Each structure stands twice: as structure tokens, then as C-alpha cells.
């Protein structure tokens, strides 16, 4: 197998793996499920921040 063919196969397998991962995240809405898990921690953090309420 030549270096070019090997490189193309590796590149194709990486692209296929990336597509499978992103497709799985999209189908199962995993990004929003992760955001929903992190939201309470973010709210607690941002509620503690001092705010300058002067206009």
C-alpha cells in the first residue's frame, strides 16, 4: 500500500468517526442534556457575582 492510499484511508476513517460521533450527539440531543445537567452549577455561580446596578 502506498503512503498516499494509507493517508487517504486514515483521513477517511477519521472523518467517518467524527461524523458518527456528531450524528449520535444530534440524534439523542446530548448537547442540551449536558447543558441541562450543568445549568444548576452555572446558575449558582452567576447568582454569587456582585452586580453594579447603578445607571
PDB file of N, CA and C in Angstrom:
ATOM      1  N   UNK A   1       0.847  -1.177   0.000  1.00  0.00           N
ATOM      2  CA  UNK A   1       0.000   0.000   0.000  1.00  0.00           C
ATOM      3  C   UNK A   1       0.892   1.241   0.000  1.00  0.00           C
ATOM      4  N   UNK A   2       0.586   2.183  -0.835  1.00  0.00           N
ATOM      5  CA  UNK A   2       1.410   3.387  -0.901  1.00  0.00           C
ATOM      6  C   UNK A   2       1.053   4.341   0.235  1.00  0.00           C
ATOM      7  N   UNK A   3       1.921   5.307   0.457  1.00  0.00           N
ATOM      8  CA  UNK A   3       1.698   6.276   1.527  1.00  0.00           C
ATOM      9  C   UNK A   3       0.449   7.106   1.271  1.00  0.00           C
ATOM     10  N   UNK A   4       0.190   7.435   0.009  1.00  0.00           N
ATOM     11  CA  UNK A   4      -0.974   8.247  -0.331  1.00  0.00           C
ATOM     12  C   UNK A   4      -2.265   7.493  -0.019  1.00  0.00           C
ATOM     13  N   UNK A   5      -2.318   6.222  -0.389  1.00  0.00           N
ATOM     14  CA  UNK A   5      -3.513   5.408  -0.119  1.00  0.00           C
ATOM     15  C   UNK A   5      -3.724   5.250   1.373  1.00  0.00           C
ATOM     16  N   UNK A   6      -2.630   5.016   2.105  1.00  0.00           N
ATOM     17  CA  UNK A   6      -2.727   4.865   3.554  1.00  0.00           C
ATOM     18  C   UNK A   6      -3.223   6.162   4.189  1.00  0.00           C
ATOM     19  N   UNK A   7      -2.693   7.292   3.725  1.00  0.00           N
ATOM     20  CA  UNK A   7      -3.113   8.596   4.245  1.00  0.00           C
ATOM     21  C   UNK A   7      -4.595   8.839   3.972  1.00  0.00           C
ATOM     22  N   UNK A   8      -5.052   8.517   2.767  1.00  0.00           N
ATOM     23  CA  UNK A   8      -6.460   8.716   2.408  1.00  0.00           C
ATOM     24  C   UNK A   8      -7.358   7.831   3.257  1.00  0.00           C
ATOM     25  N   UNK A   9      -6.962   6.596   3.497  1.00  0.00           N
ATOM     26  CA  UNK A   9      -7.766   5.697   4.341  1.00  0.00           C
ATOM     27  C   UNK A   9      -7.835   6.195   5.780  1.00  0.00           C
ATOM     28  N   UNK A  10      -6.722   6.679   6.300  1.00  0.00           N
ATOM     29  CA  UNK A  10      -6.718   7.216   7.667  1.00  0.00           C
ATOM     30  C   UNK A  10      -7.604   8.455   7.749  1.00  0.00           C
ATOM     31  N   UNK A  11      -7.470   9.349   6.768  1.00  0.00           N
ATOM     32  CA  UNK A  11      -8.289  10.557   6.743  1.00  0.00           C
ATOM     33  C   UNK A  11      -9.775  10.221   6.621  1.00  0.00           C
ATOM     34  N   UNK A  12     -10.100   9.253   5.780  1.00  0.00           N
ATOM     35  CA  UNK A  12     -11.488   8.830   5.611  1.00  0.00           C
ATOM     36  C   UNK A  12     -12.042   8.207   6.891  1.00  0.00           C
ATOM     37  N   UNK A  13     -11.245   7.416   7.596  1.00  0.00           N
ATOM     38  CA  UNK A  13     -11.715   6.799   8.838  1.00  0.00           C
ATOM     39  C   UNK A  13     -11.902   7.849   9.931  1.00  0.00           C
ATOM     40  N   UNK A  14     -11.027   8.856   9.974  1.00  0.00           N
ATOM     41  CA  UNK A  14     -11.192   9.930  10.957  1.00  0.00           C
ATOM     42  C   UNK A  14     -12.459  10.724  10.674  1.00  0.00           C
ATOM     43  N   UNK A  15     -12.704  11.051   9.408  1.00  0.00           N
ATOM     44  CA  UNK A  15     -13.911  11.794   9.036  1.00  0.00           C
ATOM     45  C   UNK A  15     -15.172  10.984   9.325  1.00  0.00           C
ATOM     46  N   UNK A  16     -15.134   9.698   9.061  1.00  0.00           N
ATOM     47  CA  UNK A  16     -16.283   8.835   9.342  1.00  0.00           C
ATOM     48  C   UNK A  16     -16.545   8.759  10.843  1.00  0.00           C
ATOM     49  N   UNK A  17     -15.496   8.610  11.637  1.00  0.00           N
ATOM     50  CA  UNK A  17     -15.652   8.575  13.091  1.00  0.00           C
ATOM     51  C   UNK A  17     -16.213   9.871  13.628  1.00  0.00           C
ATOM     52  N   UNK A  18     -15.727  11.002  13.107  1.00  0.00           N
ATOM     53  CA  UNK A  18     -16.236  12.300  13.524  1.00  0.00           C
ATOM     54  C   UNK A  18     -17.716  12.439  13.167  1.00  0.00           C
ATOM     55  N   UNK A  19     -18.091  11.988  11.974  1.00  0.00           N
ATOM     56  CA  UNK A  19     -19.493  12.061  11.568  1.00  0.00           C
ATOM     57  C   UNK A  19     -20.373  11.204  12.473  1.00  0.00           C
ATOM     58  N   UNK A  20     -19.927  10.004  12.787  1.00  0.00           N
ATOM     59  CA  UNK A  20     -20.722   9.107  13.648  1.00  0.00           C
ATOM     60  C   UNK A  20     -20.917   9.725  15.025  1.00  0.00           C
ATOM     61  N   UNK A  21     -19.866  10.307  15.575  1.00  0.00           N
ATOM     62  CA  UNK A  21     -19.973  10.927  16.903  1.00  0.00           C
ATOM     63  C   UNK A  21     -20.928  12.119  16.871  1.00  0.00           C
ATOM     64  N   UNK A  22     -20.770  13.008  15.896  1.00  0.00           N
ATOM     65  CA  UNK A  22     -21.637  14.180  15.844  1.00  0.00           C
ATOM     66  C   UNK A  22     -23.082  13.805  15.512  1.00  0.00           C
ATOM     67  N   UNK A  23     -23.276  12.778  14.706  1.00  0.00           N
ATOM     68  CA  UNK A  23     -24.627  12.322  14.387  1.00  0.00           C
ATOM     69  C   UNK A  23     -25.304  11.753  15.633  1.00  0.00           C
ATOM     70  N   UNK A  24     -24.563  11.003  16.434  1.00  0.00           N
ATOM     71  CA  UNK A  24     -25.111  10.446  17.672  1.00  0.00           C
ATOM     72  C   UNK A  24     -25.496  11.559  18.641  1.00  0.00           C
ATOM     73  N   UNK A  25     -24.651  12.571  18.764  1.00  0.00           N
ATOM     74  CA  UNK A  25     -24.961  13.710  19.633  1.00  0.00           C
ATOM     75  C   UNK A  25     -26.224  14.407  19.144  1.00  0.00           C
ATOM     76  N   UNK A  26     -26.360  14.574  17.840  1.00  0.00           N
ATOM     77  CA  UNK A  26     -27.530  15.254  17.266  1.00  0.00           C
ATOM     78  C   UNK A  26     -28.809  14.443  17.480  1.00  0.00           C
ATOM     79  N   UNK A  27     -28.770  13.149  17.185  1.00  0.00           N
ATOM     80  CA  UNK A  27     -29.973  12.312  17.272  1.00  0.00           C
ATOM     81  C   UNK A  27     -30.493  12.239  18.708  1.00  0.00           C
ATOM     82  N   UNK A  28     -29.591  12.057  19.671  1.00  0.00           N
ATOM     83  CA  UNK A  28     -30.025  11.901  21.055  1.00  0.00           C
ATOM     84  C   UNK A  28     -30.047  13.217  21.831  1.00  0.00           C
ATOM     85  N   UNK A  29     -29.797  14.346  21.156  1.00  0.00           N
ATOM     86  CA  UNK A  29     -29.861  15.670  21.765  1.00  0.00           C
ATOM     87  C   UNK A  29     -28.959  15.755  23.004  1.00  0.00           C
ATOM     88  N   UNK A  30     -27.765  15.177  22.905  1.00  0.00           N
ATOM     89  CA  UNK A  30     -26.884  15.078  24.056  1.00  0.00           C
ATOM     90  C   UNK A  30     -26.303  16.420  24.479  1.00  0.00           C
ATOM     91  N   UNK A  31     -26.173  17.349  23.555  1.00  0.00           N
ATOM     92  CA  UNK A  31     -25.633  18.653  23.934  1.00  0.00           C
ATOM     93  C   UNK A  31     -26.575  19.380  24.882  1.00  0.00           C
ATOM     94  N   UNK A  32     -27.861  19.328  24.630  1.00  0.00           N
ATOM     95  CA  UNK A  32     -28.813  20.006  25.509  1.00  0.00           C
ATOM     96  C   UNK A  32     -28.994  19.253  26.828  1.00  0.00           C
ATOM     97  N   UNK A  33     -28.845  17.943  26.808  1.00  0.00           N
ATOM     98  CA  UNK A  33     -28.917  17.181  28.057  1.00  0.00           C
ATOM     99  C   UNK A  33     -27.725  17.518  28.949  1.00  0.00           C
ATOM    100  N   UNK A  34     -26.548  17.690  28.341  1.00  0.00           N
ATOM    101  CA  UNK A  34     -25.376  18.094  29.107  1.00  0.00           C
ATOM    102  C   UNK A  34     -25.554  19.502  29.653  1.00  0.00           C
ATOM    103  N   UNK A  35     -26.100  20.392  28.844  1.00  0.00           N
ATOM    104  CA  UNK A  35     -26.355  21.759  29.290  1.00  0.00           C
ATOM    105  C   UNK A  35     -27.341  21.783  30.448  1.00  0.00           C
ATOM    106  N   UNK A  36     -28.353  20.952  30.403  1.00  0.00           N
ATOM    107  CA  UNK A  36     -29.335  20.885  31.490  1.00  0.00           C
ATOM    108  C   UNK A  36     -28.694  20.371  32.779  1.00  0.00           C
ATOM    109  N   UNK A  37     -27.702  19.479  32.658  1.00  0.00           N
ATOM    110  CA  UNK A  37     -27.009  18.989  33.851  1.00  0.00           C
ATOM    111  C   UNK A  37     -26.110  20.065  34.455  1.00  0.00           C
ATOM    112  N   UNK A  38     -25.504  20.878  33.622  1.00  0.00           N
ATOM    113  CA  UNK A  38     -24.556  21.884  34.085  1.00  0.00           C
ATOM    114  C   UNK A  38     -25.261  23.152  34.573  1.00  0.00           C
ATOM    115  N   UNK A  39     -26.485  23.390  34.133  1.00  0.00           N
ATOM    116  CA  UNK A  39     -27.193  24.639  34.425  1.00  0.00           C
ATOM    117  C   UNK A  39     -27.276  24.987  35.908  1.00  0.00           C
ATOM    118  N   UNK A  40     -27.601  24.058  36.813  1.00  0.00           N
ATOM    119  CA  UNK A  40     -27.665  24.451  38.236  1.00  0.00           C
ATOM    120  C   UNK A  40     -26.333  24.999  38.767  1.00  0.00           C
ATOM    121  N   UNK A  41     -25.215  24.417  38.329  1.00  0.00           N
ATOM    122  CA  UNK A  41     -23.914  24.904  38.774  1.00  0.00           C
ATOM    123  C   UNK A  41     -23.627  26.300  38.215  1.00  0.00           C
ATOM    124  N   UNK A  42     -24.016  26.517  36.959  1.00  0.00           N
ATOM    125  CA  UNK A  42     -23.813  27.830  36.355  1.00  0.00           C
ATOM    126  C   UNK A  42     -24.678  28.879  37.029  1.00  0.00           C
ATOM    127  N   UNK A  43     -25.924  28.542  37.318  1.00  0.00           N
ATOM    128  CA  UNK A  43     -26.810  29.492  37.987  1.00  0.00           C
ATOM    129  C   UNK A  43     -26.281  29.854  39.372  1.00  0.00           C
ATOM    130  N   UNK A  44     -25.785  28.859  40.099  1.00  0.00           N
ATOM    131  CA  UNK A  44     -25.227  29.121  41.421  1.00  0.00           C
ATOM    132  C   UNK A  44     -24.019  30.047  41.317  1.00  0.00           C
ATOM    133  N   UNK A  45     -23.196  29.826  40.315  1.00  0.00           N
ATOM    134  CA  UNK A  45     -22.012  30.671  40.115  1.00  0.00           C
ATOM    135  C   UNK A  45     -22.409  32.108  39.770  1.00  0.00           C
ATOM    136  N   UNK A  46     -23.306  32.275  38.819  1.00  0.00           N
ATOM    137  CA  UNK A  46     -23.663  33.616  38.370  1.00  0.00           C
ATOM    138  C   UNK A  46     -24.553  34.354  39.365  1.00  0.00           C
ATOM    139  N   UNK A  47     -25.236  33.629  40.245  1.00  0.00           N
ATOM    140  CA  UNK A  47     -26.014  34.299  41.284  1.00  0.00           C
ATOM    141  C   UNK A  47     -25.110  34.922  42.345  1.00  0.00           C
ATOM    142  N   UNK A  48     -23.891  34.415  42.503  1.00  0.00           N
ATOM    143  CA  UNK A  48     -22.966  34.937  43.506  1.00  0.00           C
ATOM    144  C   UNK A  48     -22.212  36.179  43.038  1.00  0.00           C
ATOM    145  N   UNK A  49     -22.221  36.447  41.772  1.00  0.00           N
ATOM    146  CA  UNK A  49     -21.435  37.560  41.231  1.00  0.00           C
ATOM    147  C   UNK A  49     -22.062  38.890  41.656  1.00  0.00           C
ATOM    148  N   UNK A  50     -21.173  39.788  42.140  1.00  0.00           N
ATOM    149  CA  UNK A  50     -21.635  41.119  42.510  1.00  0.00           C
ATOM    150  C   UNK A  50     -21.999  41.891  41.237  1.00  0.00           C
ATOM    151  N   UNK A  51     -23.115  42.608  41.299  1.00  0.00           N
ATOM    152  CA  UNK A  51     -23.562  43.364  40.140  1.00  0.00           C
ATOM    153  C   UNK A  51     -23.555  44.850  40.442  1.00  0.00           C
ATOM    154  N   UNK A  52     -23.120  45.607  39.481  1.00  0.00           N
ATOM    155  CA  UNK A  52     -23.154  47.062  39.600  1.00  0.00           C
ATOM    156  C   UNK A  52     -24.490  47.525  39.012  1.00  0.00           C
ATOM    157  N   UNK A  53     -25.411  47.937  39.871  1.00  0.00           N
ATOM    158  CA  UNK A  53     -26.750  48.273  39.427  1.00  0.00           C
ATOM    159  C   UNK A  53     -26.963  49.769  39.247  1.00  0.00           C
ATOM    160  N   UNK A  54     -25.877  50.538  39.235  1.00  0.00           N
ATOM    161  CA  UNK A  54     -26.003  51.971  39.054  1.00  0.00           C
ATOM    162  C   UNK A  54     -26.164  52.297  37.588  1.00  0.00           C
ATOM    163  N   UNK A  55     -27.059  53.240  37.322  1.00  0.00           N
ATOM    164  CA  UNK A  55     -27.270  53.643  35.934  1.00  0.00           C
ATOM    165  C   UNK A  55     -26.447  54.853  35.587  1.00  0.00           C
TER     166      UNK A  55
END
